[in-house]
Amino acid sequence: MADDATVLLFSYGTLQQDEVQLATFGRLLDGTLDALPGYRHAWLRIIDPEVIRTSGSDMHPIVTPSNDPADKVLGRLFRITPEELLAADGYEVADYRRIEVRLRSGADAWVYVRA
């Protein structure tokens, strides 16, 4: 559970990359493995040149809700500051929106899903 000075962010994609974390947060994050139940993974072509430069790719994962209860998306759960969450908002392109979800671990966290 996050305290008042931190929030929980679940990442299944490029926010797990060291170079993206350094560019976005100015530090490396220490995360724990978790899963997002009820969602499925897809791919999205990114056109923002800064995001492509930072991540090293124009193909990024994206998740959408699934009707199959067995579906889940694996990723990492990070504890970050509210300011870092705003920095993550700035990194993500308009194809994503941030929502709060309950993870397999029972933690409530923010995640970026298809807008």
PDB file of N, CA and C in Angstrom:
ATOM      1  N   MET A   1       0.848  -1.184   0.000  1.00  0.00           N
ATOM      2  CA  MET A   1       0.000   0.000   0.000  1.00  0.00           C
ATOM      3  C   MET A   1       0.888   1.239   0.000  1.00  0.00           C
ATOM      4  N   ALA A   2       0.519   2.230  -0.762  1.00  0.00           N
ATOM      5  CA  ALA A   2       1.286   3.467  -0.847  1.00  0.00           C
ATOM      6  C   ALA A   2       0.999   4.333   0.372  1.00  0.00           C
ATOM      7  N   ASP A   3       1.999   5.122   0.779  1.00  0.00           N
ATOM      8  CA  ASP A   3       1.752   6.084   1.852  1.00  0.00           C
ATOM      9  C   ASP A   3       1.440   7.436   1.217  1.00  0.00           C
ATOM     10  N   ASP A   4       1.297   8.484   2.053  1.00  0.00           N
ATOM     11  CA  ASP A   4       0.901   9.796   1.543  1.00  0.00           C
ATOM     12  C   ASP A   4       1.910  10.389   0.569  1.00  0.00           C
ATOM     13  N   ALA A   5       3.182   9.993   0.682  1.00  0.00           N
ATOM     14  CA  ALA A   5       4.221  10.577  -0.161  1.00  0.00           C
ATOM     15  C   ALA A   5       4.476   9.771  -1.431  1.00  0.00           C
ATOM     16  N   THR A   6       3.786   8.626  -1.574  1.00  0.00           N
ATOM     17  CA  THR A   6       4.017   7.797  -2.753  1.00  0.00           C
ATOM     18  C   THR A   6       2.698   7.302  -3.334  1.00  0.00           C
ATOM     19  N   VAL A   7       2.773   6.906  -4.588  1.00  0.00           N
ATOM     20  CA  VAL A   7       1.659   6.267  -5.273  1.00  0.00           C
ATOM     21  C   VAL A   7       2.196   4.999  -5.923  1.00  0.00           C
ATOM     22  N   LEU A   8       1.301   4.102  -6.277  1.00  0.00           N
ATOM     23  CA  LEU A   8       1.696   2.859  -6.934  1.00  0.00           C
ATOM     24  C   LEU A   8       1.385   2.952  -8.421  1.00  0.00           C
ATOM     25  N   LEU A   9       2.360   2.560  -9.223  1.00  0.00           N
ATOM     26  CA  LEU A   9       2.221   2.559 -10.680  1.00  0.00           C
ATOM     27  C   LEU A   9       2.579   1.172 -11.191  1.00  0.00           C
ATOM     28  N   PHE A  10       1.677   0.571 -11.975  1.00  0.00           N
ATOM     29  CA  PHE A  10       1.933  -0.725 -12.599  1.00  0.00           C
ATOM     30  C   PHE A  10       2.367  -0.493 -14.031  1.00  0.00           C
ATOM     31  N   SER A  11       3.489  -1.085 -14.403  1.00  0.00           N
ATOM     32  CA  SER A  11       3.988  -0.966 -15.771  1.00  0.00           C
ATOM     33  C   SER A  11       4.149  -2.336 -16.395  1.00  0.00           C
ATOM     34  N   TYR A  12       3.662  -2.474 -17.608  1.00  0.00           N
ATOM     35  CA  TYR A  12       3.803  -3.695 -18.399  1.00  0.00           C
ATOM     36  C   TYR A  12       4.667  -3.425 -19.633  1.00  0.00           C
ATOM     37  N   GLY A  13       5.168  -2.203 -19.767  1.00  0.00           N
ATOM     38  CA  GLY A  13       5.858  -1.824 -20.999  1.00  0.00           C
ATOM     39  C   GLY A  13       7.114  -1.031 -20.774  1.00  0.00           C
ATOM     40  N   THR A  14       7.248   0.048 -21.541  1.00  0.00           N
ATOM     41  CA  THR A  14       8.524   0.763 -21.608  1.00  0.00           C
ATOM     42  C   THR A  14       8.906   1.472 -20.318  1.00  0.00           C
ATOM     43  N   LEU A  15       7.957   1.739 -19.425  1.00  0.00           N
ATOM     44  CA  LEU A  15       8.329   2.358 -18.140  1.00  0.00           C
ATOM     45  C   LEU A  15       9.145   1.411 -17.264  1.00  0.00           C
ATOM     46  N   GLN A  16       9.311   0.166 -17.707  1.00  0.00           N
ATOM     47  CA  GLN A  16      10.197  -0.772 -17.017  1.00  0.00           C
ATOM     48  C   GLN A  16      11.652  -0.634 -17.493  1.00  0.00           C
ATOM     49  N   GLN A  17      11.867   0.031 -18.626  1.00  0.00           N
ATOM     50  CA  GLN A  17      13.208   0.157 -19.202  1.00  0.00           C
ATOM     51  C   GLN A  17      14.037   1.186 -18.421  1.00  0.00           C
ATOM     52  N   ASP A  18      15.302   0.833 -18.156  1.00  0.00           N
ATOM     53  CA  ASP A  18      16.194   1.733 -17.421  1.00  0.00           C
ATOM     54  C   ASP A  18      16.289   3.104 -18.080  1.00  0.00           C
ATOM     55  N   GLU A  19      16.474   3.136 -19.411  1.00  0.00           N
ATOM     56  CA  GLU A  19      16.658   4.416 -20.094  1.00  0.00           C
ATOM     57  C   GLU A  19      15.398   5.282 -20.030  1.00  0.00           C
ATOM     58  N   VAL A  20      14.232   4.656 -20.054  1.00  0.00           N
ATOM     59  CA  VAL A  20      12.970   5.406 -19.944  1.00  0.00           C
ATOM     60  C   VAL A  20      12.803   5.937 -18.521  1.00  0.00           C
ATOM     61  N   GLN A  21      13.130   5.125 -17.531  1.00  0.00           N
ATOM     62  CA  GLN A  21      13.043   5.574 -16.138  1.00  0.00           C
ATOM     63  C   GLN A  21      13.988   6.745 -15.879  1.00  0.00           C
ATOM     64  N   LEU A  22      15.209   6.645 -16.361  1.00  0.00           N
ATOM     65  CA  LEU A  22      16.166   7.736 -16.150  1.00  0.00           C
ATOM     66  C   LEU A  22      15.689   9.018 -16.830  1.00  0.00           C
ATOM     67  N   ALA A  23      15.179   8.909 -18.049  1.00  0.00           N
ATOM     68  CA  ALA A  23      14.706  10.091 -18.775  1.00  0.00           C
ATOM     69  C   ALA A  23      13.432  10.668 -18.160  1.00  0.00           C
ATOM     70  N   THR A  24      12.566   9.815 -17.626  1.00  0.00           N
ATOM     71  CA  THR A  24      11.270  10.256 -17.122  1.00  0.00           C
ATOM     72  C   THR A  24      11.318  10.671 -15.651  1.00  0.00           C
ATOM     73  N   PHE A  25      12.035   9.890 -14.841  1.00  0.00           N
ATOM     74  CA  PHE A  25      12.034  10.106 -13.389  1.00  0.00           C
ATOM     75  C   PHE A  25      13.376  10.596 -12.844  1.00  0.00           C
ATOM     76  N   GLY A  26      14.426  10.498 -13.662  1.00  0.00           N
ATOM     77  CA  GLY A  26      15.747  10.895 -13.190  1.00  0.00           C
ATOM     78  C   GLY A  26      16.379   9.885 -12.261  1.00  0.00           C
ATOM     79  N   ARG A  27      15.812   8.683 -12.197  1.00  0.00           N
ATOM     80  CA  ARG A  27      16.348   7.621 -11.340  1.00  0.00           C
ATOM     81  C   ARG A  27      15.813   6.280 -11.825  1.00  0.00           C
ATOM     82  N   LEU A  28      16.446   5.210 -11.344  1.00  0.00           N
ATOM     83  CA  LEU A  28      15.956   3.871 -11.627  1.00  0.00           C
ATOM     84  C   LEU A  28      14.969   3.466 -10.544  1.00  0.00           C
ATOM     85  N   LEU A  29      13.904   2.806 -10.948  1.00  0.00           N
ATOM     86  CA  LEU A  29      12.875   2.364 -10.009  1.00  0.00           C
ATOM     87  C   LEU A  29      13.109   0.916  -9.609  1.00  0.00           C
ATOM     88  N   ASP A  30      12.736   0.591  -8.381  1.00  0.00           N
ATOM     89  CA  ASP A  30      12.816  -0.779  -7.885  1.00  0.00           C
ATOM     90  C   ASP A  30      11.399  -1.310  -7.794  1.00  0.00           C
ATOM     91  N   GLY A  31      11.052  -2.263  -8.644  1.00  0.00           N
ATOM     92  CA  GLY A  31       9.688  -2.755  -8.696  1.00  0.00           C
ATOM     93  C   GLY A  31       9.566  -4.206  -8.306  1.00  0.00           C
ATOM     94  N   THR A  32       8.329  -4.631  -8.073  1.00  0.00           N
ATOM     95  CA  THR A  32       8.031  -6.023  -7.765  1.00  0.00           C
ATOM     96  C   THR A  32       7.127  -6.583  -8.861  1.00  0.00           C
ATOM     97  N   LEU A  33       7.271  -7.863  -9.134  1.00  0.00           N
ATOM     98  CA  LEU A  33       6.446  -8.515 -10.146  1.00  0.00           C
ATOM     99  C   LEU A  33       4.992  -8.549  -9.693  1.00  0.00           C
ATOM    100  N   ASP A  34       4.084  -8.324 -10.622  1.00  0.00           N
ATOM    101  CA  ASP A  34       2.649  -8.381 -10.339  1.00  0.00           C
ATOM    102  C   ASP A  34       1.943  -8.629 -11.664  1.00  0.00           C
ATOM    103  N   ALA A  35       0.625  -8.672 -11.634  1.00  0.00           N
ATOM    104  CA  ALA A  35      -0.148  -8.906 -12.853  1.00  0.00           C
ATOM    105  C   ALA A  35      -1.447  -8.128 -12.789  1.00  0.00           C
ATOM    106  N   LEU A  36      -1.920  -7.740 -13.966  1.00  0.00           N
ATOM    107  CA  LEU A  36      -3.178  -7.023 -14.130  1.00  0.00           C
ATOM    108  C   LEU A  36      -4.204  -8.013 -14.686  1.00  0.00           C
ATOM    109  N   PRO A  37      -5.121  -8.500 -13.836  1.00  0.00           N
ATOM    110  CA  PRO A  37      -6.105  -9.471 -14.330  1.00  0.00           C
ATOM    111  C   PRO A  37      -7.200  -8.803 -15.161  1.00  0.00           C
ATOM    112  N   GLY A  38      -7.752  -9.588 -16.102  1.00  0.00           N
ATOM    113  CA  GLY A  38      -8.880  -9.105 -16.885  1.00  0.00           C
ATOM    114  C   GLY A  38      -8.520  -8.187 -18.034  1.00  0.00           C
ATOM    115  N   TYR A  39      -7.240  -8.142 -18.381  1.00  0.00           N
ATOM    116  CA  TYR A  39      -6.777  -7.315 -19.502  1.00  0.00           C
ATOM    117  C   TYR A  39      -5.952  -8.181 -20.436  1.00  0.00           C
ATOM    118  N   ARG A  40      -5.857  -7.709 -21.691  1.00  0.00           N
ATOM    119  CA  ARG A  40      -5.018  -8.404 -22.680  1.00  0.00           C
ATOM    120  C   ARG A  40      -4.062  -7.401 -23.314  1.00  0.00           C
ATOM    121  N   HIS A  41      -2.985  -7.924 -23.806  1.00  0.00           N
ATOM    122  CA  HIS A  41      -1.874  -7.148 -24.359  1.00  0.00           C
ATOM    123  C   HIS A  41      -2.030  -7.017 -25.866  1.00  0.00           C
ATOM    124  N   ALA A  42      -1.698  -5.835 -26.390  1.00  0.00           N
ATOM    125  CA  ALA A  42      -1.664  -5.591 -27.832  1.00  0.00           C
ATOM    126  C   ALA A  42      -0.462  -4.677 -28.107  1.00  0.00           C
ATOM    127  N   TRP A  43      -0.296  -4.306 -29.362  1.00  0.00           N
ATOM    128  CA  TRP A  43       0.806  -3.417 -29.752  1.00  0.00           C
ATOM    129  C   TRP A  43       0.266  -2.147 -30.382  1.00  0.00           C
ATOM    130  N   LEU A  44       0.991  -1.063 -30.171  1.00  0.00           N
ATOM    131  CA  LEU A  44       0.621   0.248 -30.689  1.00  0.00           C
ATOM    132  C   LEU A  44       1.842   0.885 -31.335  1.00  0.00           C
ATOM    133  N   ARG A  45       1.679   1.420 -32.545  1.00  0.00           N
ATOM    134  CA  ARG A  45       2.771   2.140 -33.197  1.00  0.00           C
ATOM    135  C   ARG A  45       2.756   3.583 -32.696  1.00  0.00           C
ATOM    136  N   ILE A  46       3.875   3.999 -32.126  1.00  0.00           N
ATOM    137  CA  ILE A  46       4.041   5.346 -31.582  1.00  0.00           C
ATOM    138  C   ILE A  46       4.621   6.241 -32.675  1.00  0.00           C
ATOM    139  N   ILE A  47       4.132   7.478 -32.756  1.00  0.00           N
ATOM    140  CA  ILE A  47       4.668   8.404 -33.758  1.00  0.00           C
ATOM    141  C   ILE A  47       5.414   9.579 -33.126  1.00  0.00           C
ATOM    142  N   ASP A  48       5.333   9.730 -31.801  1.00  0.00           N
ATOM    143  CA  ASP A  48       6.020  10.825 -31.108  1.00  0.00           C
ATOM    144  C   ASP A  48       7.531  10.576 -31.142  1.00  0.00           C
ATOM    145  N   PRO A  49       8.310  11.435 -31.828  1.00  0.00           N
ATOM    146  CA  PRO A  49       9.738  11.173 -31.984  1.00  0.00           C
ATOM    147  C   PRO A  49      10.502  11.165 -30.657  1.00  0.00           C
ATOM    148  N   GLU A  50      10.082  11.948 -29.686  1.00  0.00           N
ATOM    149  CA  GLU A  50      10.768  11.967 -28.391  1.00  0.00           C
ATOM    150  C   GLU A  50      10.557  10.652 -27.638  1.00  0.00           C
ATOM    151  N   VAL A  51       9.344  10.128 -27.673  1.00  0.00           N
ATOM    152  CA  VAL A  51       9.061   8.847 -27.017  1.00  0.00           C
ATOM    153  C   VAL A  51       9.818   7.723 -27.727  1.00  0.00           C
ATOM    154  N   ILE A  52       9.876   7.765 -29.044  1.00  0.00           N
ATOM    155  CA  ILE A  52      10.624   6.752 -29.801  1.00  0.00           C
ATOM    156  C   ILE A  52      12.110   6.832 -29.440  1.00  0.00           C
ATOM    157  N   ARG A  53      12.653   8.047 -29.374  1.00  0.00           N
ATOM    158  CA  ARG A  53      14.059   8.213 -29.021  1.00  0.00           C
ATOM    159  C   ARG A  53      14.330   7.678 -27.613  1.00  0.00           C
ATOM    160  N   THR A  54      13.458   8.002 -26.663  1.00  0.00           N
ATOM    161  CA  THR A  54      13.662   7.580 -25.274  1.00  0.00           C
ATOM    162  C   THR A  54      13.545   6.073 -25.121  1.00  0.00           C
ATOM    163  N   SER A  55      12.539   5.472 -25.756  1.00  0.00           N
ATOM    164  CA  SER A  55      12.292   4.035 -25.585  1.00  0.00           C
ATOM    165  C   SER A  55      13.105   3.162 -26.538  1.00  0.00           C
ATOM    166  N   GLY A  56      13.535   3.747 -27.665  1.00  0.00           N
ATOM    167  CA  GLY A  56      14.282   2.974 -28.646  1.00  0.00           C
ATOM    168  C   GLY A  56      13.417   2.210 -29.628  1.00  0.00           C
ATOM    169  N   SER A  57      12.097   2.448 -29.603  1.00  0.00           N
ATOM    170  CA  SER A  57      11.209   1.707 -30.501  1.00  0.00           C
ATOM    171  C   SER A  57       9.949   2.511 -30.789  1.00  0.00           C
ATOM    172  N   ASP A  58       9.370   2.260 -31.987  1.00  0.00           N
ATOM    173  CA  ASP A  58       8.085   2.875 -32.290  1.00  0.00           C
ATOM    174  C   ASP A  58       6.928   1.928 -31.988  1.00  0.00           C
ATOM    175  N   MET A  59       7.211   0.697 -31.581  1.00  0.00           N
ATOM    176  CA  MET A  59       6.178  -0.267 -31.204  1.00  0.00           C
ATOM    177  C   MET A  59       6.165  -0.414 -29.685  1.00  0.00           C
ATOM    178  N   HIS A  60       5.017  -0.066 -29.083  1.00  0.00           N
ATOM    179  CA  HIS A  60       4.879  -0.123 -27.625  1.00  0.00           C
ATOM    180  C   HIS A  60       3.697  -1.009 -27.259  1.00  0.00           C
ATOM    181  N   PRO A  61       3.810  -1.715 -26.136  1.00  0.00           N
ATOM    182  CA  PRO A  61       2.660  -2.491 -25.682  1.00  0.00           C
ATOM    183  C   PRO A  61       1.550  -1.574 -25.177  1.00  0.00           C
ATOM    184  N   ILE A  62       0.334  -2.058 -25.280  1.00  0.00           N
ATOM    185  CA  ILE A  62      -0.836  -1.354 -24.746  1.00  0.00           C
ATOM    186  C   ILE A  62      -1.803  -2.437 -24.278  1.00  0.00           C
ATOM    187  N   VAL A  63      -2.640  -2.125 -23.292  1.00  0.00           N
ATOM    188  CA  VAL A  63      -3.584  -3.118 -22.800  1.00  0.00           C
ATOM    189  C   VAL A  63      -5.012  -2.606 -22.930  1.00  0.00           C
ATOM    190  N   THR A  64      -5.920  -3.582 -23.102  1.00  0.00           N
ATOM    191  CA  THR A  64      -7.350  -3.293 -23.173  1.00  0.00           C
ATOM    192  C   THR A  64      -8.081  -4.323 -22.316  1.00  0.00           C
ATOM    193  N   PRO A  65      -9.272  -3.976 -21.813  1.00  0.00           N
ATOM    194  CA  PRO A  65     -10.037  -4.955 -21.033  1.00  0.00           C
ATOM    195  C   PRO A  65     -10.370  -6.187 -21.878  1.00  0.00           C
ATOM    196  N   SER A  66     -10.450  -7.318 -21.211  1.00  0.00           N
ATOM    197  CA  SER A  66     -10.750  -8.578 -21.881  1.00  0.00           C
ATOM    198  C   SER A  66     -12.016  -9.180 -21.290  1.00  0.00           C
ATOM    199  N   ASN A  67     -12.753  -9.915 -22.102  1.00  0.00           N
ATOM    200  CA  ASN A  67     -13.919 -10.650 -21.621  1.00  0.00           C
ATOM    201  C   ASN A  67     -13.542 -12.014 -21.063  1.00  0.00           C
ATOM    202  N   ASP A  68     -12.267 -12.398 -21.214  1.00  0.00           N
ATOM    203  CA  ASP A  68     -11.797 -13.697 -20.732  1.00  0.00           C
ATOM    204  C   ASP A  68     -11.207 -13.524 -19.335  1.00  0.00           C
ATOM    205  N   PRO A  69     -11.830 -14.088 -18.305  1.00  0.00           N
ATOM    206  CA  PRO A  69     -11.323 -13.913 -16.945  1.00  0.00           C
ATOM    207  C   PRO A  69      -9.935 -14.521 -16.725  1.00  0.00           C
ATOM    208  N   ALA A  70      -9.508 -15.387 -17.630  1.00  0.00           N
ATOM    209  CA  ALA A  70      -8.174 -15.975 -17.504  1.00  0.00           C
ATOM    210  C   ALA A  70      -7.074 -15.042 -18.012  1.00  0.00           C
ATOM    211  N   ASP A  71      -7.451 -14.004 -18.765  1.00  0.00           N
ATOM    212  CA  ASP A  71      -6.450 -13.075 -19.299  1.00  0.00           C
ATOM    213  C   ASP A  71      -5.815 -12.262 -18.181  1.00  0.00           C
ATOM    214  N   LYS A  72      -4.529 -12.018 -18.340  1.00  0.00           N
ATOM    215  CA  LYS A  72      -3.798 -11.155 -17.414  1.00  0.00           C
ATOM    216  C   LYS A  72      -2.584 -10.605 -18.135  1.00  0.00           C
ATOM    217  N   VAL A  73      -2.106  -9.459 -17.664  1.00  0.00           N
ATOM    218  CA  VAL A  73      -0.920  -8.824 -18.211  1.00  0.00           C
ATOM    219  C   VAL A  73       0.122  -8.777 -17.107  1.00  0.00           C
ATOM    220  N   LEU A  74       1.302  -9.317 -17.390  1.00  0.00           N
ATOM    221  CA  LEU A  74       2.392  -9.322 -16.416  1.00  0.00           C
ATOM    222  C   LEU A  74       3.155  -8.008 -16.472  1.00  0.00           C
ATOM    223  N   GLY A  75       3.680  -7.599 -15.338  1.00  0.00           N
ATOM    224  CA  GLY A  75       4.462  -6.372 -15.291  1.00  0.00           C
ATOM    225  C   GLY A  75       5.080  -6.163 -13.922  1.00  0.00           C
ATOM    226  N   ARG A  76       5.442  -4.919 -13.661  1.00  0.00           N
ATOM    227  CA  ARG A  76       6.081  -4.557 -12.388  1.00  0.00           C
ATOM    228  C   ARG A  76       5.301  -3.443 -11.716  1.00  0.00           C
ATOM    229  N   LEU A  77       5.275  -3.523 -10.395  1.00  0.00           N
ATOM    230  CA  LEU A  77       4.622  -2.522  -9.564  1.00  0.00           C
ATOM    231  C   LEU A  77       5.702  -1.632  -8.960  1.00  0.00           C
ATOM    232  N   PHE A  78       5.586  -0.335  -9.198  1.00  0.00           N
ATOM    233  CA  PHE A  78       6.561   0.633  -8.717  1.00  0.00           C
ATOM    234  C   PHE A  78       5.921   1.585  -7.710  1.00  0.00           C
ATOM    235  N   ARG A  79       6.684   1.970  -6.712  1.00  0.00           N
ATOM    236  CA  ARG A  79       6.284   2.997  -5.749  1.00  0.00           C
ATOM    237  C   ARG A  79       6.992   4.280  -6.177  1.00  0.00           C
ATOM    238  N   ILE A  80       6.208   5.299  -6.544  1.00  0.00           N
ATOM    239  CA  ILE A  80       6.771   6.557  -7.034  1.00  0.00           C
ATOM    240  C   ILE A  80       6.104   7.735  -6.319  1.00  0.00           C
ATOM    241  N   THR A  81       6.637   8.920  -6.526  1.00  0.00           N
ATOM    242  CA  THR A  81       6.051  10.115  -5.917  1.00  0.00           C
ATOM    243  C   THR A  81       4.920  10.642  -6.809  1.00  0.00           C
ATOM    244  N   PRO A  82       4.037  11.450  -6.256  1.00  0.00           N
ATOM    245  CA  PRO A  82       3.003  12.069  -7.097  1.00  0.00           C
ATOM    246  C   PRO A  82       3.607  12.895  -8.245  1.00  0.00           C
ATOM    247  N   GLU A  83       4.729  13.540  -8.012  1.00  0.00           N
ATOM    248  CA  GLU A  83       5.395  14.308  -9.071  1.00  0.00           C
ATOM    249  C   GLU A  83       5.896  13.382 -10.174  1.00  0.00           C
ATOM    250  N   GLU A  84       6.401  12.212  -9.801  1.00  0.00           N
ATOM    251  CA  GLU A  84       6.852  11.245 -10.799  1.00  0.00           C
ATOM    252  C   GLU A  84       5.676  10.694 -11.596  1.00  0.00           C
ATOM    253  N   LEU A  85       4.517  10.546 -10.955  1.00  0.00           N
ATOM    254  CA  LEU A  85       3.331  10.111 -11.689  1.00  0.00           C
ATOM    255  C   LEU A  85       2.962  11.138 -12.759  1.00  0.00           C
ATOM    256  N   LEU A  86       3.066  12.402 -12.434  1.00  0.00           N
ATOM    257  CA  LEU A  86       2.814  13.454 -13.433  1.00  0.00           C
ATOM    258  C   LEU A  86       3.846  13.399 -14.554  1.00  0.00           C
ATOM    259  N   ALA A  87       5.103  13.073 -14.224  1.00  0.00           N
ATOM    260  CA  ALA A  87       6.134  12.915 -15.252  1.00  0.00           C
ATOM    261  C   ALA A  87       5.794  11.739 -16.165  1.00  0.00           C
ATOM    262  N   ALA A  88       5.272  10.655 -15.600  1.00  0.00           N
ATOM    263  CA  ALA A  88       4.849   9.509 -16.412  1.00  0.00           C
ATOM    264  C   ALA A  88       3.699   9.908 -17.331  1.00  0.00           C
ATOM    265  N   ASP A  89       2.766  10.729 -16.817  1.00  0.00           N
ATOM    266  CA  ASP A  89       1.684  11.232 -17.670  1.00  0.00           C
ATOM    267  C   ASP A  89       2.252  11.976 -18.875  1.00  0.00           C
ATOM    268  N   GLY A  90       3.310  12.744 -18.649  1.00  0.00           N
ATOM    269  CA  GLY A  90       3.935  13.501 -19.729  1.00  0.00           C
ATOM    270  C   GLY A  90       4.640  12.617 -20.746  1.00  0.00           C
ATOM    271  N   TYR A  91       5.134  11.471 -20.304  1.00  0.00           N
ATOM    272  CA  TYR A  91       5.817  10.533 -21.201  1.00  0.00           C
ATOM    273  C   TYR A  91       4.814   9.803 -22.092  1.00  0.00           C
ATOM    274  N   GLU A  92       3.685   9.396 -21.528  1.00  0.00           N
ATOM    275  CA  GLU A  92       2.713   8.601 -22.285  1.00  0.00           C
ATOM    276  C   GLU A  92       2.018   9.467 -23.336  1.00  0.00           C
ATOM    277  N   VAL A  93       1.806   8.892 -24.518  1.00  0.00           N
ATOM    278  CA  VAL A  93       1.149   9.622 -25.609  1.00  0.00           C
ATOM    279  C   VAL A  93      -0.366   9.556 -25.435  1.00  0.00           C
ATOM    280  N   ALA A  94      -1.089  10.298 -26.256  1.00  0.00           N
ATOM    281  CA  ALA A  94      -2.542  10.443 -26.121  1.00  0.00           C
ATOM    282  C   ALA A  94      -3.313   9.137 -26.342  1.00  0.00           C
ATOM    283  N   ASP A  95      -2.667   8.112 -26.883  1.00  0.00           N
ATOM    284  CA  ASP A  95      -3.336   6.818 -27.081  1.00  0.00           C
ATOM    285  C   ASP A  95      -3.570   6.092 -25.766  1.00  0.00           C
ATOM    286  N   TYR A  96      -2.927   6.565 -24.698  1.00  0.00           N
ATOM    287  CA  TYR A  96      -3.042   5.947 -23.379  1.00  0.00           C
ATOM    288  C   TYR A  96      -3.814   6.866 -22.441  1.00  0.00           C
ATOM    289  N   ARG A  97      -4.523   6.258 -21.492  1.00  0.00           N
ATOM    290  CA  ARG A  97      -5.115   7.023 -20.390  1.00  0.00           C
ATOM    291  C   ARG A  97      -4.798   6.282 -19.098  1.00  0.00           C
ATOM    292  N   ARG A  98      -4.696   7.028 -18.022  1.00  0.00           N
ATOM    293  CA  ARG A  98      -4.337   6.442 -16.734  1.00  0.00           C
ATOM    294  C   ARG A  98      -5.602   6.156 -15.933  1.00  0.00           C
ATOM    295  N   ILE A  99      -5.703   4.912 -15.431  1.00  0.00           N
ATOM    296  CA  ILE A  99      -6.824   4.521 -14.589  1.00  0.00           C
ATOM    297  C   ILE A  99      -6.281   3.804 -13.355  1.00  0.00           C
ATOM    298  N   GLU A 100      -7.112   3.690 -12.338  1.00  0.00           N
ATOM    299  CA  GLU A 100      -6.724   2.935 -11.151  1.00  0.00           C
ATOM    300  C   GLU A 100      -7.320   1.540 -11.244  1.00  0.00           C
ATOM    301  N   VAL A 101      -6.523   0.535 -10.909  1.00  0.00           N
ATOM    302  CA  VAL A 101      -6.936  -0.865 -11.022  1.00  0.00           C
ATOM    303  C   VAL A 101      -6.509  -1.623  -9.765  1.00  0.00           C
ATOM    304  N   ARG A 102      -7.094  -2.798  -9.585  1.00  0.00           N
ATOM    305  CA  ARG A 102      -6.651  -3.718  -8.534  1.00  0.00           C
ATOM    306  C   ARG A 102      -5.841  -4.821  -9.206  1.00  0.00           C
ATOM    307  N   LEU A 103      -4.631  -5.024  -8.725  1.00  0.00           N
ATOM    308  CA  LEU A 103      -3.727  -6.018  -9.293  1.00  0.00           C
ATOM    309  C   LEU A 103      -3.924  -7.383  -8.628  1.00  0.00           C
ATOM    310  N   ARG A 104      -3.304  -8.396  -9.205  1.00  0.00           N
ATOM    311  CA  ARG A 104      -3.399  -9.756  -8.667  1.00  0.00           C
ATOM    312  C   ARG A 104      -2.978  -9.802  -7.204  1.00  0.00           C
ATOM    313  N   SER A 105      -1.988  -8.984  -6.827  1.00  0.00           N
ATOM    314  CA  SER A 105      -1.489  -8.945  -5.451  1.00  0.00           C
ATOM    315  C   SER A 105      -2.490  -8.335  -4.475  1.00  0.00           C
ATOM    316  N   GLY A 106      -3.525  -7.675  -4.996  1.00  0.00           N
ATOM    317  CA  GLY A 106      -4.478  -6.962  -4.162  1.00  0.00           C
ATOM    318  C   GLY A 106      -4.175  -5.480  -4.052  1.00  0.00           C
ATOM    319  N   ALA A 107      -3.030  -5.050  -4.583  1.00  0.00           N
ATOM    320  CA  ALA A 107      -2.660  -3.624  -4.534  1.00  0.00           C
ATOM    321  C   ALA A 107      -3.506  -2.831  -5.526  1.00  0.00           C
ATOM    322  N   ASP A 108      -3.883  -1.629  -5.128  1.00  0.00           N
ATOM    323  CA  ASP A 108      -4.544  -0.698  -6.019  1.00  0.00           C
ATOM    324  C   ASP A 108      -3.478   0.217  -6.604  1.00  0.00           C
ATOM    325  N   ALA A 109      -3.404   0.296  -7.915  1.00  0.00           N
ATOM    326  CA  ALA A 109      -2.333   1.038  -8.577  1.00  0.00           C
ATOM    327  C   ALA A 109      -2.857   1.722  -9.823  1.00  0.00           C
ATOM    328  N   TRP A 110      -2.119   2.727 -10.267  1.00  0.00           N
ATOM    329  CA  TRP A 110      -2.374   3.385 -11.535  1.00  0.00           C
ATOM    330  C   TRP A 110      -1.757   2.556 -12.651  1.00  0.00           C
ATOM    331  N   VAL A 111      -2.401   2.558 -13.807  1.00  0.00           N
ATOM    332  CA  VAL A 111      -1.878   1.891 -14.992  1.00  0.00           C
ATOM    333  C   VAL A 111      -2.363   2.662 -16.207  1.00  0.00           C
ATOM    334  N   TYR A 112      -1.582   2.607 -17.284  1.00  0.00           N
ATOM    335  CA  TYR A 112      -1.964   3.242 -18.548  1.00  0.00           C
ATOM    336  C   TYR A 112      -2.568   2.181 -19.457  1.00  0.00           C
ATOM    337  N   VAL A 113      -3.798   2.453 -19.917  1.00  0.00           N
ATOM    338  CA  VAL A 113      -4.527   1.544 -20.804  1.00  0.00           C
ATOM    339  C   VAL A 113      -4.877   2.284 -22.089  1.00  0.00           C
ATOM    340  N   ARG A 114      -5.421   1.560 -23.056  1.00  0.00           N
ATOM    341  CA  ARG A 114      -5.826   2.201 -24.317  1.00  0.00           C
ATOM    342  C   ARG A 114      -6.879   3.280 -24.039  1.00  0.00           C
ATOM    343  N   ALA A 115      -6.647   4.459 -24.593  1.00  0.00           N
ATOM    344  CA  ALA A 115      -7.579   5.585 -24.367  1.00  0.00           C
ATOM    345  C   ALA A 115      -8.894   5.361 -25.095  1.00  0.00           C
TER     346      ALA A 115
END
